């Protein structure tokens, strides 16, 4: 949630969205009496308190109010639309968020022109929403265009461009275009190390992403030191219950699991699970994944009792009879006495 929260704009309004968000918008005929700025402030305050549902409800009213008080194609209206879209994004309503990002993009392109930095922000938001829906081919040109705008504005070695390179590389990785992704990840990492220093948390993000690229290609020997360095940075810079720290434990543990190094995998996966079980709801995909990882590592170690404790839906359970039979020593070839 912090990723989305930090992206919210504490500024202006949104367009009257007779779009498809799954909640009623105030009718244009029923003009809200409350000022859009006050509504926007209220929505953002609710979001920061963790009341996402309430924030979205007030945010939709802010959109209506801004559209009526400023006009449906005012850039401030685009900002509030974007705020609501980010809230929907945070709750996994990617299709609804996509519709609002498209509306904000259209407003900004018309008002500012195609090469403005606000347009780049909308392109980036829309690309991310499409990527979450696995629409990678549609996301790619948006990230490219956003990168080009920011390169022109800030220069090729700016931190803003490093973000765009990372987004584009992640899209290529999802498409299996590893050769296209690698130089972008490496360039993003080099920019961040130069601008921020070797121990910055954004450097850890780049390290983790490059490691994941190698990991996806089963190049474990290249991935491990990058995952480890990212973990060390996060251990120094984040609280022990951080979900980003959990992600690092999980990445490294899953690498060890894939490499059949169960002794190293277990403590990493357990640390990830302990953080996630406290911070995330039971059905959250990251919590479910961590639970499954522990089931897998205990199954691989032959500790079926512990494996059963972490078994999820679809995971194989071992009966007592199966457990007994699997514990019977297998004869070594060549040692059986012929009768």
Protein backbone atom coordinates (compact mmCIF):
# COMPACT_ATOMS: atom_id res chain seq x y z
CA UNK A 1 0.00 0.00 0.00
CA UNK A 2 2.87 2.42 0.65
CA UNK A 3 3.80 2.31 -3.02
CA UNK A 4 0.38 3.60 -3.99
CA UNK A 5 0.05 6.01 -1.11
CA UNK A 6 3.28 7.75 -2.01
CA UNK A 7 1.99 8.20 -5.54
CA UNK A 8 -1.12 10.12 -4.53
CA UNK A 9 -1.17 13.78 -5.42
CA UNK A 10 -2.08 16.25 -2.70
CA UNK A 11 -3.36 18.78 -5.18
CA UNK A 12 -6.42 18.91 -7.35
CA UNK A 13 -9.54 17.33 -8.72
CA UNK A 14 -10.93 14.83 -11.25
CA UNK A 15 -13.15 14.56 -14.21
CA UNK A 16 -16.80 13.68 -13.98
CA UNK A 17 -16.45 9.97 -14.45
CA UNK A 18 -19.48 8.55 -16.01
CA UNK A 19 -16.91 5.81 -16.57
CA UNK A 20 -17.18 2.34 -15.20
CA UNK A 21 -15.99 2.42 -11.60
CA UNK A 22 -18.09 -0.02 -9.63
CA UNK A 23 -19.72 2.54 -7.40
CA UNK A 24 -22.28 5.27 -8.08
CA UNK A 25 -21.11 8.74 -8.99
CA UNK A 26 -23.09 11.78 -8.03
CA UNK A 27 -25.29 12.91 -10.89
CA UNK A 28 -24.28 16.11 -12.65
CA UNK A 29 -27.76 17.42 -11.93
CA UNK A 30 -27.16 17.00 -8.19
CA UNK A 31 -24.26 19.38 -7.82
CA UNK A 32 -22.26 18.74 -4.66
CA UNK A 33 -22.19 21.68 -2.32
CA UNK A 34 -18.83 20.84 -0.80
CA UNK A 35 -15.71 22.33 -2.35
CA UNK A 36 -13.67 19.82 -4.34
CA UNK A 37 -10.47 20.75 -2.50
CA UNK A 38 -12.04 19.91 0.87
CA UNK A 39 -13.34 16.61 -0.50
CA UNK A 40 -9.92 15.79 -1.94
CA UNK A 41 -8.25 16.47 1.37
CA UNK A 42 -10.79 14.26 3.13
CA UNK A 43 -10.28 11.40 0.65
CA UNK A 44 -6.51 11.49 1.02
CA UNK A 45 -6.75 11.58 4.82
CA UNK A 46 -9.00 8.51 4.80
CA UNK A 47 -6.60 6.70 2.52
CA UNK A 48 -3.62 7.46 4.72
CA UNK A 49 -5.54 6.08 7.71
CA UNK A 50 -6.08 2.83 5.82
CA UNK A 51 -9.79 3.36 5.08
CA UNK A 52 -9.48 2.63 1.38
CA UNK A 53 -13.19 2.00 0.82
CA UNK A 54 -14.13 5.29 2.45
CA UNK A 55 -11.39 7.08 0.54
CA UNK A 56 -12.69 5.78 -2.78
CA UNK A 57 -16.25 6.82 -1.93
CA UNK A 58 -15.18 10.36 -1.06
CA UNK A 59 -12.79 10.36 -4.01
CA UNK A 60 -15.64 9.71 -6.45
CA UNK A 61 -17.49 12.69 -4.99
CA UNK A 62 -14.33 14.74 -5.42
CA UNK A 63 -14.26 13.79 -9.08
CA UNK A 64 -17.85 14.99 -9.55
CA UNK A 65 -17.23 18.19 -7.63
CA UNK A 66 -14.05 19.03 -9.53
CA UNK A 67 -15.72 18.36 -12.88
CA UNK A 68 -18.57 20.70 -12.00
CA UNK A 69 -16.54 23.43 -10.32
CA UNK A 70 -13.50 23.42 -12.62
CA UNK A 71 -14.70 21.67 -15.73
CA UNK A 72 -14.40 18.03 -16.83
CA UNK A 73 -11.21 18.68 -18.81
CA UNK A 74 -9.32 20.76 -16.26
CA UNK A 75 -5.85 19.37 -15.36
CA UNK A 76 -6.77 19.44 -11.66
CA UNK A 77 -9.67 17.15 -12.52
CA UNK A 78 -7.16 14.76 -14.10
CA UNK A 79 -5.16 14.75 -10.87
CA UNK A 80 -8.15 13.74 -8.76
CA UNK A 81 -9.12 11.08 -11.27
CA UNK A 82 -5.61 9.75 -10.94
CA UNK A 83 -5.89 9.72 -7.15
CA UNK A 84 -9.03 7.58 -7.29
CA UNK A 85 -7.41 5.33 -9.89
CA UNK A 86 -4.44 4.73 -7.59
CA UNK A 87 -6.79 3.81 -4.75
CA UNK A 88 -8.55 1.31 -7.01
CA UNK A 89 -5.15 0.06 -8.16
CA UNK A 90 -4.17 -0.55 -4.53
CA UNK A 91 -7.23 -2.74 -3.98
CA UNK A 92 -6.63 -4.82 -7.11
CA UNK A 93 -9.39 -3.23 -9.23
CA UNK A 94 -7.05 -2.85 -12.16
CA UNK A 95 -9.66 -2.65 -14.92
CA UNK A 96 -11.48 0.18 -13.13
CA UNK A 97 -8.17 1.91 -12.45
CA UNK A 98 -7.24 1.52 -16.11
CA UNK A 99 -10.42 3.31 -17.23
CA UNK A 100 -9.66 6.27 -14.98
CA UNK A 101 -5.99 6.41 -15.98
CA UNK A 102 -7.10 6.56 -19.62
CA UNK A 103 -9.43 9.47 -18.84
CA UNK A 104 -6.71 11.36 -16.98
CA UNK A 105 -4.28 10.75 -19.84
CA UNK A 106 -6.76 12.10 -22.40
CA UNK A 107 -7.30 15.28 -20.35
CA UNK A 108 -3.57 15.88 -19.88
CA UNK A 109 -2.71 15.24 -23.53
CA UNK A 110 -5.38 17.71 -24.64
CA UNK A 111 -4.38 20.36 -22.10
CA UNK A 112 -0.58 20.05 -22.09
CA UNK A 113 0.27 18.41 -25.39
CA UNK A 114 1.77 14.94 -26.01
CA UNK A 115 5.26 15.51 -24.57
CA UNK A 116 4.55 17.01 -21.14
CA UNK A 117 5.80 15.42 -17.93
CA UNK A 118 2.25 15.13 -16.59
CA UNK A 119 1.45 13.10 -19.69
CA UNK A 120 4.47 10.89 -18.93
CA UNK A 121 3.09 10.26 -15.44
CA UNK A 122 -0.27 9.19 -16.87
CA UNK A 123 1.42 6.95 -19.44
CA UNK A 124 3.40 5.30 -16.67
CA UNK A 125 0.32 4.79 -14.48
CA UNK A 126 -1.68 3.31 -17.34
CA UNK A 127 1.20 1.04 -18.35
CA UNK A 128 1.47 -0.30 -14.81
CA UNK A 129 -2.28 -1.01 -14.65
CA UNK A 130 -2.12 -2.88 -17.96
CA UNK A 131 0.91 -4.85 -16.79
CA UNK A 132 -0.95 -5.93 -13.66
CA UNK A 133 -3.61 -7.35 -16.00
CA UNK A 134 -0.87 -9.14 -17.99
CA UNK A 135 -1.51 -6.94 -21.02
CA UNK A 136 2.21 -6.57 -21.59
CA UNK A 137 2.10 -5.81 -25.30
CA UNK A 138 -0.18 -2.83 -24.62
CA UNK A 139 1.94 -1.64 -21.69
CA UNK A 140 5.24 -1.65 -23.61
CA UNK A 141 4.66 1.36 -25.93
CA UNK A 142 3.33 3.40 -23.01
CA UNK A 143 6.48 2.82 -20.97
CA UNK A 144 8.65 3.58 -24.01
CA UNK A 145 6.85 6.85 -24.63
CA UNK A 146 7.04 7.82 -20.96
CA UNK A 147 10.76 7.05 -20.92
CA UNK A 148 11.36 9.16 -24.03
CA UNK A 149 9.53 12.15 -22.53
CA UNK A 150 11.52 11.98 -19.31
CA UNK A 151 14.83 11.41 -21.08
CA UNK A 152 14.23 14.60 -23.07
CA UNK A 153 13.24 16.54 -19.94
CA UNK A 154 15.77 15.24 -17.39
CA UNK A 155 18.57 13.64 -19.39
CA UNK A 156 19.44 9.98 -20.00
CA UNK A 157 21.13 9.46 -16.62
CA UNK A 158 18.42 10.89 -14.37
CA UNK A 159 16.66 9.06 -11.58
CA UNK A 160 13.35 9.69 -13.34
CA UNK A 161 14.63 7.78 -16.35
CA UNK A 162 15.90 4.98 -14.08
CA UNK A 163 12.28 4.39 -12.99
CA UNK A 164 11.14 4.18 -16.60
CA UNK A 165 13.94 1.79 -17.53
CA UNK A 166 12.96 -0.45 -14.65
CA UNK A 167 9.29 -0.46 -15.70
CA UNK A 168 10.10 -1.27 -19.30
CA UNK A 169 12.56 -4.00 -18.30
CA UNK A 170 9.98 -5.61 -16.02
CA UNK A 171 7.53 -5.70 -18.92
CA UNK A 172 10.13 -7.35 -21.14
CA UNK A 173 10.89 -9.88 -18.42
CA UNK A 174 7.20 -10.78 -18.20
CA UNK A 175 7.19 -11.28 -21.98
CA UNK A 176 10.22 -13.57 -21.74
CA UNK A 177 12.35 -11.02 -23.61
CA UNK A 178 15.27 -11.43 -21.24
CA UNK A 179 17.92 -10.11 -23.64
CA UNK A 180 15.95 -6.87 -23.99
CA UNK A 181 15.35 -6.57 -20.25
CA UNK A 182 18.92 -7.09 -19.02
CA UNK A 183 20.61 -3.92 -20.37
CA UNK A 184 17.71 -1.80 -19.10
CA UNK A 185 17.93 -3.27 -15.60
CA UNK A 186 21.70 -2.83 -15.62
CA UNK A 187 21.43 0.78 -16.76
CA UNK A 188 18.77 1.54 -14.13
CA UNK A 189 21.00 0.02 -11.44
CA UNK A 190 24.05 2.00 -12.61
CA UNK A 191 22.13 5.29 -12.54
CA UNK A 192 20.81 4.66 -9.04
CA UNK A 193 24.17 3.58 -7.63
CA UNK A 194 25.82 6.69 -9.07
CA UNK A 195 23.11 9.13 -7.97
CA UNK A 196 22.07 7.57 -4.65
CA UNK A 197 25.03 5.55 -3.43
CA UNK A 198 25.43 1.77 -3.11
CA UNK A 199 23.26 1.30 -0.02
CA UNK A 200 20.10 3.18 -1.00
CA UNK A 201 16.78 1.35 -0.89
CA UNK A 202 16.10 2.15 -4.55
CA UNK A 203 19.38 0.42 -5.38
CA UNK A 204 18.01 -2.64 -3.57
CA UNK A 205 14.98 -2.56 -5.88
CA UNK A 206 17.22 -2.56 -8.95
CA UNK A 207 19.41 -5.32 -7.54
CA UNK A 208 16.37 -7.44 -6.78
CA UNK A 209 14.94 -6.93 -10.25
CA UNK A 210 18.19 -7.86 -11.99
CA UNK A 211 18.49 -10.91 -9.74
CA UNK A 212 14.93 -11.93 -10.64
CA UNK A 213 15.85 -11.75 -14.32
CA UNK A 214 18.73 -14.18 -13.80
CA UNK A 215 16.52 -16.30 -11.54
CA UNK A 216 13.89 -16.60 -14.28
CA UNK A 217 16.59 -18.07 -16.52
CA UNK A 218 17.79 -20.51 -13.82
CA UNK A 219 21.10 -18.63 -13.56
CA UNK A 220 21.13 -19.06 -9.81
CA UNK A 221 24.84 -18.36 -9.37
CA UNK A 222 24.34 -14.86 -10.84
CA UNK A 223 21.08 -14.19 -9.03
CA UNK A 224 22.12 -15.17 -5.50
CA UNK A 225 24.72 -12.42 -4.78
CA UNK A 226 22.35 -9.76 -6.13
CA UNK A 227 19.47 -11.02 -3.97
CA UNK A 228 21.81 -11.14 -0.97
CA UNK A 229 23.05 -7.59 -1.50
CA UNK A 230 19.46 -6.33 -1.85
CA UNK A 231 18.53 -8.15 1.37
CA UNK A 232 21.47 -6.62 3.27
CA UNK A 233 20.49 -3.11 2.17
CA UNK A 234 16.90 -3.67 3.25
CA UNK A 235 17.94 -5.20 6.57
CA UNK A 236 19.87 -2.00 7.33
CA UNK A 237 17.31 0.46 6.01
CA UNK A 238 13.92 -1.02 6.85
CA UNK A 239 12.09 -2.10 10.01
CA UNK A 240 12.14 -5.84 10.66
CA UNK A 241 8.44 -6.22 9.82
CA UNK A 242 8.69 -4.50 6.43
CA UNK A 243 6.92 -6.21 3.54
CA UNK A 244 9.77 -5.21 1.23
CA UNK A 245 12.11 -7.07 3.56
CA UNK A 246 9.75 -10.05 3.41
CA UNK A 247 9.96 -9.90 -0.38
CA UNK A 248 13.75 -10.16 -0.21
CA UNK A 249 13.61 -13.13 2.16
CA UNK A 250 11.07 -14.76 -0.12
CA UNK A 251 13.08 -14.19 -3.30
CA UNK A 252 16.25 -15.63 -1.82
CA UNK A 253 14.43 -18.53 -0.17
CA UNK A 254 12.64 -19.44 -3.40
CA UNK A 255 15.94 -19.38 -5.27
CA UNK A 256 17.43 -21.83 -2.76
CA UNK A 257 14.31 -23.96 -3.01
CA UNK A 258 14.60 -24.09 -6.81
CA UNK A 259 18.28 -24.97 -6.46
CA UNK A 260 17.36 -27.81 -4.02
CA UNK A 261 19.26 -26.15 -1.18
CA UNK A 262 16.54 -26.74 1.39
CA UNK A 263 18.66 -25.98 4.45
CA UNK A 264 19.27 -22.44 3.25
CA UNK A 265 15.75 -22.05 1.87
CA UNK A 266 13.87 -22.85 5.08
CA UNK A 267 14.98 -19.94 7.33
CA UNK A 268 14.52 -17.39 4.54
CA UNK A 269 11.04 -18.63 3.68
CA UNK A 270 10.04 -18.78 7.34
CA UNK A 271 11.11 -15.15 7.90
CA UNK A 272 9.07 -14.06 4.88
CA UNK A 273 6.04 -15.98 6.11
CA UNK A 274 6.26 -14.61 9.66
CA UNK A 275 6.22 -11.03 8.38
CA UNK A 276 3.45 -11.62 5.88
CA UNK A 277 1.17 -13.56 8.22
CA UNK A 278 1.13 -10.57 10.58
CA UNK A 279 0.72 -7.88 7.93
CA UNK A 280 -1.48 -9.39 5.24
CA UNK A 281 -4.99 -10.88 5.14
CA UNK A 282 -5.29 -14.64 4.88
CA UNK A 283 -6.17 -14.70 1.17
CA UNK A 284 -3.51 -12.21 0.05
CA UNK A 285 -1.48 -13.80 -2.77
CA UNK A 286 1.88 -13.05 -1.11
CA UNK A 287 0.80 -14.67 2.15
CA UNK A 288 -0.60 -17.66 0.26
CA UNK A 289 2.65 -17.96 -1.73
CA UNK A 290 4.76 -17.91 1.44
CA UNK A 291 2.65 -20.61 3.02
CA UNK A 292 2.97 -22.75 -0.12
CA UNK A 293 6.76 -22.23 -0.15
CA UNK A 294 7.02 -23.60 3.39
CA UNK A 295 4.87 -26.59 2.43
CA UNK A 296 7.19 -27.22 -0.52
CA UNK A 297 10.40 -26.99 1.48
CA UNK A 298 9.14 -29.32 4.23
CA UNK A 299 7.89 -31.79 1.62
CA UNK A 300 11.31 -31.70 -0.02
CA UNK A 301 12.98 -32.33 3.35
CA UNK A 302 10.65 -35.22 4.09
CA UNK A 303 9.19 -33.45 7.12
CA UNK A 304 5.61 -34.33 6.26
CA UNK A 305 4.17 -33.37 9.63
CA UNK A 306 5.32 -29.77 9.23
CA UNK A 307 4.39 -29.78 5.55
CA UNK A 308 0.81 -30.61 6.49
CA UNK A 309 0.66 -27.53 8.75
CA UNK A 310 1.42 -25.28 5.79
CA UNK A 311 -0.56 -27.12 3.13
CA UNK A 312 -2.95 -24.94 1.19
CA UNK A 313 -5.72 -25.59 -1.27
CA UNK A 314 -4.43 -27.92 -3.96
CA UNK A 315 -1.29 -28.93 -2.04
CA UNK A 316 -0.77 -32.67 -1.69
CA UNK A 317 -1.27 -34.09 1.79
CA UNK A 318 0.50 -37.21 2.92
CA UNK A 319 -1.51 -39.90 4.72
CA UNK A 320 -0.04 -41.83 7.64
CA UNK A 321 0.22 -44.95 5.48
CA UNK A 322 2.04 -43.05 2.72
CA UNK A 323 4.33 -41.48 5.29
CA UNK A 324 5.15 -44.92 6.75
CA UNK A 325 5.86 -46.41 3.34
CA UNK A 326 8.07 -43.49 2.30
CA UNK A 327 10.09 -43.90 5.49
CA UNK A 328 11.00 -47.53 4.68
CA UNK A 329 14.66 -47.60 3.56
CA UNK A 330 15.15 -48.40 -0.11
CA UNK A 331 17.58 -51.23 -0.90
CA UNK A 332 20.88 -50.10 -2.39
CA UNK A 333 21.51 -51.46 -5.87
CA UNK A 334 23.74 -54.50 -5.87
CA UNK A 335 23.25 -55.36 -2.19
CA UNK A 336 20.13 -57.52 -2.44
CA UNK A 337 20.90 -61.18 -1.81
CA UNK A 338 19.63 -63.48 -4.53
CA UNK A 339 17.49 -66.35 -3.41
